[in-house]
Amino acid sequence: MEDKARLLDSIISYTGRYRIEGNQWVTSVEVACNPQWVDTEQAREFKITGDRLQVFTPWGVMTNWPGQEMTRSMVTFERSR
């Protein structure tokens, strides 16, 4: 059970309406794992190449991750065929 609790401390999740501004995907946060994000905007840079979508987070320190160093995440999605 403690492992599950630690795992929940390592995730990031939010949802809300979004808009596209150039190469930015901006979400108006309505619900989030971090209550401080509610009623804020989360912007992510993205790039589409063929069937691949790459999403980049801004550089920052994730206080709920081990090490608390500057990090940036990149998530890649590929269209199924």
PDB file of N, CA and C in Angstrom:
ATOM      1  N   MET A   1       0.821  -1.191   0.000  1.00  0.00           N
ATOM      2  CA  MET A   1       0.000   0.000   0.000  1.00  0.00           C
ATOM      3  C   MET A   1       0.868   1.260   0.000  1.00  0.00           C
ATOM      4  N   GLU A   2       1.997   1.233   0.727  1.00  0.00           N
ATOM      5  CA  GLU A   2       2.886   2.392   0.741  1.00  0.00           C
ATOM      6  C   GLU A   2       3.471   2.658  -0.642  1.00  0.00           C
ATOM      7  N   ASP A   3       3.740   1.570  -1.403  1.00  0.00           N
ATOM      8  CA  ASP A   3       4.255   1.738  -2.761  1.00  0.00           C
ATOM      9  C   ASP A   3       3.250   2.492  -3.632  1.00  0.00           C
ATOM     10  N   LYS A   4       1.976   2.163  -3.477  1.00  0.00           N
ATOM     11  CA  LYS A   4       0.935   2.855  -4.239  1.00  0.00           C
ATOM     12  C   LYS A   4       0.872   4.330  -3.853  1.00  0.00           C
ATOM     13  N   ALA A   5       0.983   4.613  -2.576  1.00  0.00           N
ATOM     14  CA  ALA A   5       0.943   6.003  -2.117  1.00  0.00           C
ATOM     15  C   ALA A   5       2.120   6.780  -2.692  1.00  0.00           C
ATOM     16  N   ARG A   6       3.311   6.173  -2.710  1.00  0.00           N
ATOM     17  CA  ARG A   6       4.491   6.841  -3.287  1.00  0.00           C
ATOM     18  C   ARG A   6       4.308   7.045  -4.785  1.00  0.00           C
ATOM     19  N   LEU A   7       3.738   6.072  -5.459  1.00  0.00           N
ATOM     20  CA  LEU A   7       3.497   6.178  -6.895  1.00  0.00           C
ATOM     21  C   LEU A   7       2.571   7.351  -7.199  1.00  0.00           C
ATOM     22  N   LEU A   8       1.523   7.519  -6.420  1.00  0.00           N
ATOM     23  CA  LEU A   8       0.604   8.637  -6.636  1.00  0.00           C
ATOM     24  C   LEU A   8       1.298   9.980  -6.473  1.00  0.00           C
ATOM     25  N   ASP A   9       2.325  10.047  -5.630  1.00  0.00           N
ATOM     26  CA  ASP A   9       3.085  11.286  -5.462  1.00  0.00           C
ATOM     27  C   ASP A   9       3.954  11.606  -6.670  1.00  0.00           C
ATOM     28  N   SER A  10       4.144  10.635  -7.571  1.00  0.00           N
ATOM     29  CA  SER A  10       5.041  10.848  -8.702  1.00  0.00           C
ATOM     30  C   SER A  10       4.309  11.168 -10.009  1.00  0.00           C
ATOM     31  N   ILE A  11       2.974  11.146 -10.002  1.00  0.00           N
ATOM     32  CA  ILE A  11       2.242  11.389 -11.247  1.00  0.00           C
ATOM     33  C   ILE A  11       1.837  12.849 -11.385  1.00  0.00           C
ATOM     34  N   ILE A  12       1.552  13.202 -12.605  1.00  0.00           N
ATOM     35  CA  ILE A  12       1.043  14.537 -12.919  1.00  0.00           C
ATOM     36  C   ILE A  12      -0.180  14.338 -13.787  1.00  0.00           C
ATOM     37  N   SER A  13      -1.272  14.975 -13.422  1.00  0.00           N
ATOM     38  CA  SER A  13      -2.471  14.867 -14.248  1.00  0.00           C
ATOM     39  C   SER A  13      -3.337  16.102 -14.066  1.00  0.00           C
ATOM     40  N   TYR A  14      -3.967  16.484 -15.157  1.00  0.00           N
ATOM     41  CA  TYR A  14      -4.918  17.593 -15.133  1.00  0.00           C
ATOM     42  C   TYR A  14      -5.800  17.494 -16.362  1.00  0.00           C
ATOM     43  N   THR A  15      -6.931  18.173 -16.308  1.00  0.00           N
ATOM     44  CA  THR A  15      -7.842  18.185 -17.450  1.00  0.00           C
ATOM     45  C   THR A  15      -8.568  19.523 -17.498  1.00  0.00           C
ATOM     46  N   GLY A  16      -9.072  19.835 -18.650  1.00  0.00           N
ATOM     47  CA  GLY A  16      -9.810  21.075 -18.842  1.00  0.00           C
ATOM     48  C   GLY A  16      -9.898  21.395 -20.325  1.00  0.00           C
ATOM     49  N   ARG A  17     -10.519  22.500 -20.636  1.00  0.00           N
ATOM     50  CA  ARG A  17     -10.622  22.937 -22.031  1.00  0.00           C
ATOM     51  C   ARG A  17      -9.258  23.414 -22.499  1.00  0.00           C
ATOM     52  N   TYR A  18      -8.996  23.219 -23.787  1.00  0.00           N
ATOM     53  CA  TYR A  18      -7.701  23.631 -24.324  1.00  0.00           C
ATOM     54  C   TYR A  18      -7.873  24.456 -25.589  1.00  0.00           C
ATOM     55  N   ARG A  19      -6.782  25.136 -25.959  1.00  0.00           N
ATOM     56  CA  ARG A  19      -6.738  25.876 -27.211  1.00  0.00           C
ATOM     57  C   ARG A  19      -5.332  25.743 -27.785  1.00  0.00           C
ATOM     58  N   ILE A  20      -5.214  25.960 -29.081  1.00  0.00           N
ATOM     59  CA  ILE A  20      -3.920  25.908 -29.751  1.00  0.00           C
ATOM     60  C   ILE A  20      -3.522  27.332 -30.116  1.00  0.00           C
ATOM     61  N   GLU A  21      -2.301  27.710 -29.757  1.00  0.00           N
ATOM     62  CA  GLU A  21      -1.736  29.018 -30.105  1.00  0.00           C
ATOM     63  C   GLU A  21      -0.368  28.775 -30.735  1.00  0.00           C
ATOM     64  N   GLY A  22      -0.305  28.804 -32.061  1.00  0.00           N
ATOM     65  CA  GLY A  22       0.956  28.494 -32.751  1.00  0.00           C
ATOM     66  C   GLY A  22       1.365  27.063 -32.464  1.00  0.00           C
ATOM     67  N   ASN A  23       2.547  26.894 -31.851  1.00  0.00           N
ATOM     68  CA  ASN A  23       2.998  25.541 -31.494  1.00  0.00           C
ATOM     69  C   ASN A  23       2.810  25.265 -29.999  1.00  0.00           C
ATOM     70  N   GLN A  24       1.863  25.984 -29.372  1.00  0.00           N
ATOM     71  CA  GLN A  24       1.555  25.793 -27.947  1.00  0.00           C
ATOM     72  C   GLN A  24       0.158  25.194 -27.792  1.00  0.00           C
ATOM     73  N   TRP A  25       0.065  24.229 -26.904  1.00  0.00           N
ATOM     74  CA  TRP A  25      -1.199  23.609 -26.519  1.00  0.00           C
ATOM     75  C   TRP A  25      -1.437  24.114 -25.104  1.00  0.00           C
ATOM     76  N   VAL A  26      -2.479  24.926 -24.909  1.00  0.00           N
ATOM     77  CA  VAL A  26      -2.721  25.591 -23.626  1.00  0.00           C
ATOM     78  C   VAL A  26      -4.007  25.028 -23.014  1.00  0.00           C
ATOM     79  N   THR A  27      -3.901  24.466 -21.822  1.00  0.00           N
ATOM     80  CA  THR A  27      -5.063  23.905 -21.123  1.00  0.00           C
ATOM     81  C   THR A  27      -5.464  24.825 -19.987  1.00  0.00           C
ATOM     82  N   SER A  28      -6.743  25.190 -19.935  1.00  0.00           N
ATOM     83  CA  SER A  28      -7.314  25.911 -18.794  1.00  0.00           C
ATOM     84  C   SER A  28      -7.732  24.839 -17.796  1.00  0.00           C
ATOM     85  N   VAL A  29      -6.979  24.703 -16.733  1.00  0.00           N
ATOM     86  CA  VAL A  29      -7.119  23.573 -15.816  1.00  0.00           C
ATOM     87  C   VAL A  29      -8.386  23.691 -14.975  1.00  0.00           C
ATOM     88  N   GLU A  30      -9.218  22.648 -15.041  1.00  0.00           N
ATOM     89  CA  GLU A  30     -10.447  22.567 -14.251  1.00  0.00           C
ATOM     90  C   GLU A  30     -10.317  21.581 -13.099  1.00  0.00           C
ATOM     91  N   VAL A  31      -9.568  20.484 -13.317  1.00  0.00           N
ATOM     92  CA  VAL A  31      -9.344  19.446 -12.305  1.00  0.00           C
ATOM     93  C   VAL A  31      -7.888  19.021 -12.416  1.00  0.00           C
ATOM     94  N   ALA A  32      -7.196  18.827 -11.282  1.00  0.00           N
ATOM     95  CA  ALA A  32      -5.783  18.444 -11.326  1.00  0.00           C
ATOM     96  C   ALA A  32      -5.396  17.656 -10.082  1.00  0.00           C
ATOM     97  N   CYS A  33      -4.343  16.862 -10.234  1.00  0.00           N
ATOM     98  CA  CYS A  33      -3.803  16.139  -9.080  1.00  0.00           C
ATOM     99  C   CYS A  33      -3.208  17.122  -8.079  1.00  0.00           C
ATOM    100  N   ASN A  34      -2.754  18.265  -8.568  1.00  0.00           N
ATOM    101  CA  ASN A  34      -2.226  19.327  -7.711  1.00  0.00           C
ATOM    102  C   ASN A  34      -3.284  20.429  -7.631  1.00  0.00           C
ATOM    103  N   PRO A  35      -3.956  20.583  -6.509  1.00  0.00           N
ATOM    104  CA  PRO A  35      -5.035  21.569  -6.395  1.00  0.00           C
ATOM    105  C   PRO A  35      -4.600  22.995  -6.738  1.00  0.00           C
ATOM    106  N   GLN A  36      -3.305  23.307  -6.600  1.00  0.00           N
ATOM    107  CA  GLN A  36      -2.826  24.656  -6.926  1.00  0.00           C
ATOM    108  C   GLN A  36      -2.898  24.956  -8.418  1.00  0.00           C
ATOM    109  N   TRP A  37      -3.027  23.940  -9.268  1.00  0.00           N
ATOM    110  CA  TRP A  37      -3.108  24.151 -10.716  1.00  0.00           C
ATOM    111  C   TRP A  37      -4.515  24.511 -11.170  1.00  0.00           C
ATOM    112  N   VAL A  38      -5.536  24.192 -10.359  1.00  0.00           N
ATOM    113  CA  VAL A  38      -6.915  24.481 -10.739  1.00  0.00           C
ATOM    114  C   VAL A  38      -7.059  25.989 -10.952  1.00  0.00           C
ATOM    115  N   ASP A  39      -7.753  26.363 -12.031  1.00  0.00           N
ATOM    116  CA  ASP A  39      -7.953  27.764 -12.437  1.00  0.00           C
ATOM    117  C   ASP A  39      -6.665  28.427 -12.920  1.00  0.00           C
ATOM    118  N   THR A  40      -5.678  27.630 -13.342  1.00  0.00           N
ATOM    119  CA  THR A  40      -4.472  28.173 -13.981  1.00  0.00           C
ATOM    120  C   THR A  40      -4.440  27.662 -15.423  1.00  0.00           C
ATOM    121  N   GLU A  41      -3.430  28.065 -16.159  1.00  0.00           N
ATOM    122  CA  GLU A  41      -3.235  27.547 -17.508  1.00  0.00           C
ATOM    123  C   GLU A  41      -1.912  26.807 -17.568  1.00  0.00           C
ATOM    124  N   GLN A  42      -1.913  25.650 -18.210  1.00  0.00           N
ATOM    125  CA  GLN A  42      -0.706  24.860 -18.424  1.00  0.00           C
ATOM    126  C   GLN A  42      -0.419  24.877 -19.926  1.00  0.00           C
ATOM    127  N   ALA A  43       0.747  25.381 -20.307  1.00  0.00           N
ATOM    128  CA  ALA A  43       1.125  25.463 -21.720  1.00  0.00           C
ATOM    129  C   ALA A  43       2.194  24.419 -22.021  1.00  0.00           C
ATOM    130  N   ARG A  44       2.033  23.749 -23.139  1.00  0.00           N
ATOM    131  CA  ARG A  44       2.986  22.744 -23.594  1.00  0.00           C
ATOM    132  C   ARG A  44       3.313  23.017 -25.057  1.00  0.00           C
ATOM    133  N   GLU A  45       4.584  22.969 -25.380  1.00  0.00           N
ATOM    134  CA  GLU A  45       5.010  23.088 -26.770  1.00  0.00           C
ATOM    135  C   GLU A  45       4.772  21.749 -27.452  1.00  0.00           C
ATOM    136  N   PHE A  46       4.397  21.778 -28.733  1.00  0.00           N
ATOM    137  CA  PHE A  46       4.232  20.521 -29.444  1.00  0.00           C
ATOM    138  C   PHE A  46       4.773  20.635 -30.860  1.00  0.00           C
ATOM    139  N   LYS A  47       5.063  19.458 -31.440  1.00  0.00           N
ATOM    140  CA  LYS A  47       5.552  19.388 -32.812  1.00  0.00           C
ATOM    141  C   LYS A  47       4.936  18.153 -33.457  1.00  0.00           C
ATOM    142  N   ILE A  48       4.405  18.313 -34.664  1.00  0.00           N
ATOM    143  CA  ILE A  48       3.836  17.189 -35.412  1.00  0.00           C
ATOM    144  C   ILE A  48       4.735  16.926 -36.610  1.00  0.00           C
ATOM    145  N   THR A  49       5.178  15.679 -36.734  1.00  0.00           N
ATOM    146  CA  THR A  49       5.990  15.245 -37.857  1.00  0.00           C
ATOM    147  C   THR A  49       5.384  13.951 -38.386  1.00  0.00           C
ATOM    148  N   GLY A  50       4.758  14.017 -39.545  1.00  0.00           N
ATOM    149  CA  GLY A  50       4.114  12.828 -40.099  1.00  0.00           C
ATOM    150  C   GLY A  50       3.036  12.320 -39.155  1.00  0.00           C
ATOM    151  N   ASP A  51       3.168  11.073 -38.733  1.00  0.00           N
ATOM    152  CA  ASP A  51       2.202  10.456 -37.818  1.00  0.00           C
ATOM    153  C   ASP A  51       2.620  10.569 -36.359  1.00  0.00           C
ATOM    154  N   ARG A  52       3.607  11.401 -36.075  1.00  0.00           N
ATOM    155  CA  ARG A  52       4.139  11.514 -34.716  1.00  0.00           C
ATOM    156  C   ARG A  52       3.848  12.895 -34.129  1.00  0.00           C
ATOM    157  N   LEU A  53       3.349  12.893 -32.894  1.00  0.00           N
ATOM    158  CA  LEU A  53       3.118  14.114 -32.116  1.00  0.00           C
ATOM    159  C   LEU A  53       4.064  14.081 -30.925  1.00  0.00           C
ATOM    160  N   GLN A  54       4.873  15.128 -30.777  1.00  0.00           N
ATOM    161  CA  GLN A  54       5.749  15.243 -29.615  1.00  0.00           C
ATOM    162  C   GLN A  54       5.280  16.436 -28.791  1.00  0.00           C
ATOM    163  N   VAL A  55       5.161  16.224 -27.482  1.00  0.00           N
ATOM    164  CA  VAL A  55       4.735  17.261 -26.543  1.00  0.00           C
ATOM    165  C   VAL A  55       5.863  17.474 -25.548  1.00  0.00           C
ATOM    166  N   PHE A  56       6.236  18.750 -25.333  1.00  0.00           N
ATOM    167  CA  PHE A  56       7.351  19.102 -24.451  1.00  0.00           C
ATOM    168  C   PHE A  56       6.847  19.958 -23.300  1.00  0.00           C
ATOM    169  N   THR A  57       7.250  19.611 -22.099  1.00  0.00           N
ATOM    170  CA  THR A  57       6.909  20.444 -20.944  1.00  0.00           C
ATOM    171  C   THR A  57       7.952  21.544 -20.827  1.00  0.00           C
ATOM    172  N   PRO A  58       7.622  22.630 -20.147  1.00  0.00           N
ATOM    173  CA  PRO A  58       8.647  23.642 -19.893  1.00  0.00           C
ATOM    174  C   PRO A  58       9.675  23.095 -18.897  1.00  0.00           C
ATOM    175  N   TRP A  59      10.881  23.664 -18.905  1.00  0.00           N
ATOM    176  CA  TRP A  59      11.891  23.292 -17.923  1.00  0.00           C
ATOM    177  C   TRP A  59      11.430  23.743 -16.542  1.00  0.00           C
ATOM    178  N   GLY A  60      11.671  22.909 -15.547  1.00  0.00           N
ATOM    179  CA  GLY A  60      11.302  23.282 -14.190  1.00  0.00           C
ATOM    180  C   GLY A  60      11.686  22.211 -13.193  1.00  0.00           C
ATOM    181  N   VAL A  61      11.519  22.523 -11.939  1.00  0.00           N
ATOM    182  CA  VAL A  61      11.795  21.580 -10.855  1.00  0.00           C
ATOM    183  C   VAL A  61      10.463  20.968 -10.445  1.00  0.00           C
ATOM    184  N   MET A  62      10.379  19.650 -10.519  1.00  0.00           N
ATOM    185  CA  MET A  62       9.170  18.933 -10.101  1.00  0.00           C
ATOM    186  C   MET A  62       9.351  18.536  -8.642  1.00  0.00           C
ATOM    187  N   THR A  63       8.691  19.244  -7.771  1.00  0.00           N
ATOM    188  CA  THR A  63       8.903  19.032  -6.334  1.00  0.00           C
ATOM    189  C   THR A  63       8.443  17.667  -5.850  1.00  0.00           C
ATOM    190  N   ASN A  64       7.585  16.982  -6.612  1.00  0.00           N
ATOM    191  CA  ASN A  64       7.127  15.660  -6.180  1.00  0.00           C
ATOM    192  C   ASN A  64       7.957  14.537  -6.802  1.00  0.00           C
ATOM    193  N   TRP A  65       9.026  14.855  -7.517  1.00  0.00           N
ATOM    194  CA  TRP A  65       9.900  13.837  -8.102  1.00  0.00           C
ATOM    195  C   TRP A  65      11.206  13.779  -7.325  1.00  0.00           C
ATOM    196  N   PRO A  66      11.822  12.581  -7.247  1.00  0.00           N
ATOM    197  CA  PRO A  66      13.095  12.444  -6.533  1.00  0.00           C
ATOM    198  C   PRO A  66      14.168  13.335  -7.159  1.00  0.00           C
ATOM    199  N   GLY A  67      15.069  13.835  -6.342  1.00  0.00           N
ATOM    200  CA  GLY A  67      16.194  14.620  -6.832  1.00  0.00           C
ATOM    201  C   GLY A  67      15.913  16.095  -6.968  1.00  0.00           C
ATOM    202  N   GLN A  68      14.686  16.452  -7.286  1.00  0.00           N
ATOM    203  CA  GLN A  68      14.251  17.842  -7.436  1.00  0.00           C
ATOM    204  C   GLN A  68      15.248  18.677  -8.228  1.00  0.00           C
ATOM    205  N   GLU A  69      15.639  18.168  -9.394  1.00  0.00           N
ATOM    206  CA  GLU A  69      16.522  18.891 -10.298  1.00  0.00           C
ATOM    207  C   GLU A  69      15.701  19.463 -11.449  1.00  0.00           C
ATOM    208  N   MET A  70      16.313  20.347 -12.237  1.00  0.00           N
ATOM    209  CA  MET A  70      15.643  20.886 -13.416  1.00  0.00           C
ATOM    210  C   MET A  70      15.413  19.754 -14.406  1.00  0.00           C
ATOM    211  N   THR A  71      14.178  19.606 -14.843  1.00  0.00           N
ATOM    212  CA  THR A  71      13.842  18.551 -15.797  1.00  0.00           C
ATOM    213  C   THR A  71      12.894  19.100 -16.855  1.00  0.00           C
ATOM    214  N   ARG A  72      12.783  18.364 -17.923  1.00  0.00           N
ATOM    215  CA  ARG A  72      11.815  18.663 -18.977  1.00  0.00           C
ATOM    216  C   ARG A  72      11.370  17.331 -19.538  1.00  0.00           C
ATOM    217  N   SER A  73      10.081  17.133 -19.640  1.00  0.00           N
ATOM    218  CA  SER A  73       9.565  15.878 -20.170  1.00  0.00           C
ATOM    219  C   SER A  73       9.214  16.029 -21.638  1.00  0.00           C
ATOM    220  N   MET A  74       9.371  14.936 -22.375  1.00  0.00           N
ATOM    221  CA  MET A  74       8.948  14.874 -23.765  1.00  0.00           C
ATOM    222  C   MET A  74       8.121  13.613 -23.912  1.00  0.00           C
ATOM    223  N   VAL A  75       6.898  13.766 -24.368  1.00  0.00           N
ATOM    224  CA  VAL A  75       6.003  12.630 -24.569  1.00  0.00           C
ATOM    225  C   VAL A  75       5.767  12.509 -26.069  1.00  0.00           C
ATOM    226  N   THR A  76       5.910  11.306 -26.613  1.00  0.00           N
ATOM    227  CA  THR A  76       5.723  11.081 -28.037  1.00  0.00           C
ATOM    228  C   THR A  76       4.539  10.155 -28.254  1.00  0.00           C
ATOM    229  N   PHE A  77       3.636  10.572 -29.134  1.00  0.00           N
ATOM    230  CA  PHE A  77       2.489   9.766 -29.530  1.00  0.00           C
ATOM    231  C   PHE A  77       2.663   9.440 -31.018  1.00  0.00           C
ATOM    232  N   GLU A  78       2.311   8.221 -31.407  1.00  0.00           N
ATOM    233  CA  GLU A  78       2.373   7.857 -32.821  1.00  0.00           C
ATOM    234  C   GLU A  78       1.033   7.282 -33.230  1.00  0.00           C
ATOM    235  N   ARG A  79       0.528   7.787 -34.353  1.00  0.00           N
ATOM    236  CA  ARG A  79      -0.764   7.330 -34.873  1.00  0.00           C
ATOM    237  C   ARG A  79      -0.681   5.848 -35.237  1.00  0.00           C
ATOM    238  N   SER A  80      -1.667   5.078 -34.799  1.00  0.00           N
ATOM    239  CA  SER A  80      -1.687   3.652 -35.148  1.00  0.00           C
ATOM    240  C   SER A  80      -2.164   3.498 -36.592  1.00  0.00           C
ATOM    241  N   ARG A  81      -1.734   2.459 -37.189  1.00  0.00           N
ATOM    242  CA  ARG A  81      -2.098   2.213 -38.606  1.00  0.00           C
ATOM    243  C   ARG A  81      -2.972   1.005 -38.727  1.00  0.00           C
TER     244      ARG A  81
END
